[in-house]
Amino acid sequence: MAKGKSFSEIIKGDQPVLVDFYATWCGPCKMMQPILAETAGKVGAKAKIIKIDIDKNPMAASRFQVKSVPTLVLFQKGKVIWRKSGVVPANQLVDVINKQATVNS
């Protein structure tokens, strides 16, 4: 996460923020790591991508009703604009982020 900024400050920005709610013990979560890296490479500065460990941050997981991991949530200006649980392919994540970036530009 960005140094010195809280989770709520990060998700309230104009830039879309894709949050990967994960757990270290979760196999599918480990599969998301290279997918998120590929997504970050393709979207560049259009969006931030951050990871939240639900075991270390149970309040954040509870606040956004994360019932299973991985759960991906796209925020913009503090609002949830998209969410999906399970492994999501990079091309789908890129499409979602690009649509959001186009809508708000």
C-alpha atoms as a PDB file:
ATOM      1  CA  MET A   1       0.000   0.000   0.000  1.00  0.00           C
ATOM      2  CA  ALA A   2       1.032   3.583  -0.479  1.00  0.00           C
ATOM      3  CA  LYS A   3       3.156   4.723   2.417  1.00  0.00           C
ATOM      4  CA  GLY A   4       1.409   6.958   4.903  1.00  0.00           C
ATOM      5  CA  LYS A   5      -2.061   6.556   3.384  1.00  0.00           C
ATOM      6  CA  SER A   6      -4.834   4.574   4.975  1.00  0.00           C
ATOM      7  CA  PHE A   7      -6.898   2.033   3.057  1.00  0.00           C
ATOM      8  CA  SER A   8      -9.902   4.381   3.036  1.00  0.00           C
ATOM      9  CA  GLU A   9      -7.789   7.284   1.724  1.00  0.00           C
ATOM     10  CA  ILE A  10      -6.483   5.107  -1.113  1.00  0.00           C
ATOM     11  CA  ILE A  11      -9.921   3.880  -2.244  1.00  0.00           C
ATOM     12  CA  LYS A  12     -11.442   7.396  -2.095  1.00  0.00           C
ATOM     13  CA  GLY A  13      -9.212   8.749  -4.853  1.00  0.00           C
ATOM     14  CA  ASP A  14     -10.234   9.520  -8.434  1.00  0.00           C
ATOM     15  CA  GLN A  15      -8.031   6.716  -9.740  1.00  0.00           C
ATOM     16  CA  PRO A  16      -9.710   3.274  -9.737  1.00  0.00           C
ATOM     17  CA  VAL A  17      -8.228   0.905  -7.136  1.00  0.00           C
ATOM     18  CA  LEU A  18      -8.441  -2.852  -7.598  1.00  0.00           C
ATOM     19  CA  VAL A  19      -8.230  -4.580  -4.229  1.00  0.00           C
ATOM     20  CA  ASP A  20      -7.363  -8.257  -4.022  1.00  0.00           C
ATOM     21  CA  PHE A  21      -8.680  -9.617  -0.724  1.00  0.00           C
ATOM     22  CA  TYR A  22      -6.613 -12.765  -0.198  1.00  0.00           C
ATOM     23  CA  ALA A  23      -5.210 -15.194   2.361  1.00  0.00           C
ATOM     24  CA  THR A  24      -1.720 -16.710   2.462  1.00  0.00           C
ATOM     25  CA  TRP A  25      -3.185 -20.235   2.870  1.00  0.00           C
ATOM     26  CA  CYS A  26      -5.445 -19.890  -0.201  1.00  0.00           C
ATOM     27  CA  GLY A  27      -4.347 -21.787  -3.343  1.00  0.00           C
ATOM     28  CA  PRO A  28      -6.468 -19.787  -5.834  1.00  0.00           C
ATOM     29  CA  CYS A  29      -5.125 -16.572  -4.231  1.00  0.00           C
ATOM     30  CA  LYS A  30      -1.595 -17.659  -5.164  1.00  0.00           C
ATOM     31  CA  MET A  31      -2.807 -18.132  -8.759  1.00  0.00           C
ATOM     32  CA  MET A  32      -3.936 -14.482  -8.792  1.00  0.00           C
ATOM     33  CA  GLN A  33      -0.414 -13.099  -8.185  1.00  0.00           C
ATOM     34  CA  PRO A  34       0.865 -13.455 -11.803  1.00  0.00           C
ATOM     35  CA  ILE A  35      -2.572 -12.419 -13.127  1.00  0.00           C
ATOM     36  CA  LEU A  36      -2.452  -9.211 -11.074  1.00  0.00           C
ATOM     37  CA  ALA A  37       1.118  -8.547 -12.248  1.00  0.00           C
ATOM     38  CA  GLU A  38       0.003  -8.974 -15.877  1.00  0.00           C
ATOM     39  CA  THR A  39      -3.006  -6.722 -15.274  1.00  0.00           C
ATOM     40  CA  ALA A  40      -0.822  -4.029 -13.690  1.00  0.00           C
ATOM     41  CA  GLY A  41       1.491  -4.167 -16.701  1.00  0.00           C
ATOM     42  CA  LYS A  42      -1.415  -3.688 -19.092  1.00  0.00           C
ATOM     43  CA  VAL A  43      -3.324  -0.926 -17.266  1.00  0.00           C
ATOM     44  CA  GLY A  44      -0.318   1.054 -16.064  1.00  0.00           C
ATOM     45  CA  ALA A  45      -1.332   4.260 -14.292  1.00  0.00           C
ATOM     46  CA  LYS A  46      -5.056   3.831 -15.057  1.00  0.00           C
ATOM     47  CA  ALA A  47      -5.512   1.964 -11.764  1.00  0.00           C
ATOM     48  CA  LYS A  48      -3.781   1.008  -8.546  1.00  0.00           C
ATOM     49  CA  ILE A  49      -3.733  -2.630  -7.536  1.00  0.00           C
ATOM     50  CA  ILE A  50      -3.348  -3.472  -3.866  1.00  0.00           C
ATOM     51  CA  LYS A  51      -3.588  -6.678  -1.865  1.00  0.00           C
ATOM     52  CA  ILE A  52      -5.297  -7.010   1.519  1.00  0.00           C
ATOM     53  CA  ASP A  53      -4.621 -10.093   3.645  1.00  0.00           C
ATOM     54  CA  ILE A  54      -7.970 -10.926   5.267  1.00  0.00           C
ATOM     55  CA  ASP A  55      -6.265 -12.625   8.224  1.00  0.00           C
ATOM     56  CA  LYS A  56      -4.240  -9.488   9.018  1.00  0.00           C
ATOM     57  CA  ASN A  57      -7.090  -7.083   8.172  1.00  0.00           C
ATOM     58  CA  PRO A  58     -10.320  -8.768   9.299  1.00  0.00           C
ATOM     59  CA  MET A  59     -12.093  -5.416   9.738  1.00  0.00           C
ATOM     60  CA  ALA A  60     -11.586  -4.485   6.065  1.00  0.00           C
ATOM     61  CA  ALA A  61     -12.756  -7.951   4.974  1.00  0.00           C
ATOM     62  CA  SER A  62     -15.816  -7.670   7.187  1.00  0.00           C
ATOM     63  CA  ARG A  63     -16.602  -4.109   6.085  1.00  0.00           C
ATOM     64  CA  PHE A  64     -16.762  -5.205   2.434  1.00  0.00           C
ATOM     65  CA  GLN A  65     -18.462  -8.541   3.192  1.00  0.00           C
ATOM     66  CA  VAL A  66     -15.636 -10.682   1.847  1.00  0.00           C
ATOM     67  CA  LYS A  67     -16.915 -14.228   2.386  1.00  0.00           C
ATOM     68  CA  SER A  68     -14.437 -16.110   0.191  1.00  0.00           C
ATOM     69  CA  VAL A  69     -10.968 -15.511  -1.179  1.00  0.00           C
ATOM     70  CA  PRO A  70      -9.794 -14.347  -3.534  1.00  0.00           C
ATOM     71  CA  THR A  71     -12.348 -11.550  -3.832  1.00  0.00           C
ATOM     72  CA  LEU A  72     -11.490  -8.701  -6.167  1.00  0.00           C
ATOM     73  CA  VAL A  73     -13.166  -5.343  -5.608  1.00  0.00           C
ATOM     74  CA  LEU A  74     -12.749  -2.282  -7.815  1.00  0.00           C
ATOM     75  CA  PHE A  75     -13.248   1.019  -6.002  1.00  0.00           C
ATOM     76  CA  GLN A  76     -13.476   4.542  -7.294  1.00  0.00           C
ATOM     77  CA  LYS A  77     -14.099   7.596  -5.133  1.00  0.00           C
ATOM     78  CA  GLY A  78     -14.776   5.264  -2.202  1.00  0.00           C
ATOM     79  CA  LYS A  79     -17.548   3.348  -3.976  1.00  0.00           C
ATOM     80  CA  VAL A  80     -17.547  -0.296  -5.037  1.00  0.00           C
ATOM     81  CA  ILE A  81     -17.967  -0.237  -8.811  1.00  0.00           C
ATOM     82  CA  TRP A  82     -17.259  -3.936  -9.514  1.00  0.00           C
ATOM     83  CA  ARG A  83     -16.550  -7.091  -7.542  1.00  0.00           C
ATOM     84  CA  LYS A  84     -16.014 -10.761  -8.198  1.00  0.00           C
ATOM     85  CA  SER A  85     -14.887 -13.745  -6.153  1.00  0.00           C
ATOM     86  CA  GLY A  86     -12.584 -16.439  -7.464  1.00  0.00           C
ATOM     87  CA  VAL A  87      -9.765 -16.413  -9.977  1.00  0.00           C
ATOM     88  CA  VAL A  88     -10.403 -13.768 -12.629  1.00  0.00           C
ATOM     89  CA  PRO A  89      -8.407 -13.761 -15.899  1.00  0.00           C
ATOM     90  CA  ALA A  90      -6.187 -10.761 -16.600  1.00  0.00           C
ATOM     91  CA  ASN A  91      -8.065  -9.839 -19.790  1.00  0.00           C
ATOM     92  CA  GLN A  92     -11.323  -9.543 -17.824  1.00  0.00           C
ATOM     93  CA  LEU A  93      -9.671  -7.355 -15.169  1.00  0.00           C
ATOM     94  CA  VAL A  94      -8.100  -5.159 -17.860  1.00  0.00           C
ATOM     95  CA  ASP A  95     -11.506  -4.781 -19.581  1.00  0.00           C
ATOM     96  CA  VAL A  96     -13.225  -3.786 -16.334  1.00  0.00           C
ATOM     97  CA  ILE A  97     -10.517  -1.239 -15.462  1.00  0.00           C
ATOM     98  CA  ASN A  98     -10.391   0.192 -19.011  1.00  0.00           C
ATOM     99  CA  LYS A  99     -14.185   0.598 -19.085  1.00  0.00           C
ATOM    100  CA  GLN A 100     -14.061   2.449 -15.790  1.00  0.00           C
ATOM    101  CA  ALA A 101     -11.165   4.648 -16.904  1.00  0.00           C
ATOM    102  CA  THR A 102     -13.072   5.505 -20.123  1.00  0.00           C
ATOM    103  CA  VAL A 103     -16.298   6.328 -18.256  1.00  0.00           C
ATOM    104  CA  ASN A 104     -14.503   8.726 -15.940  1.00  0.00           C
ATOM    105  CA  SER A 105     -12.170  10.470 -18.367  1.00  0.00           C
END
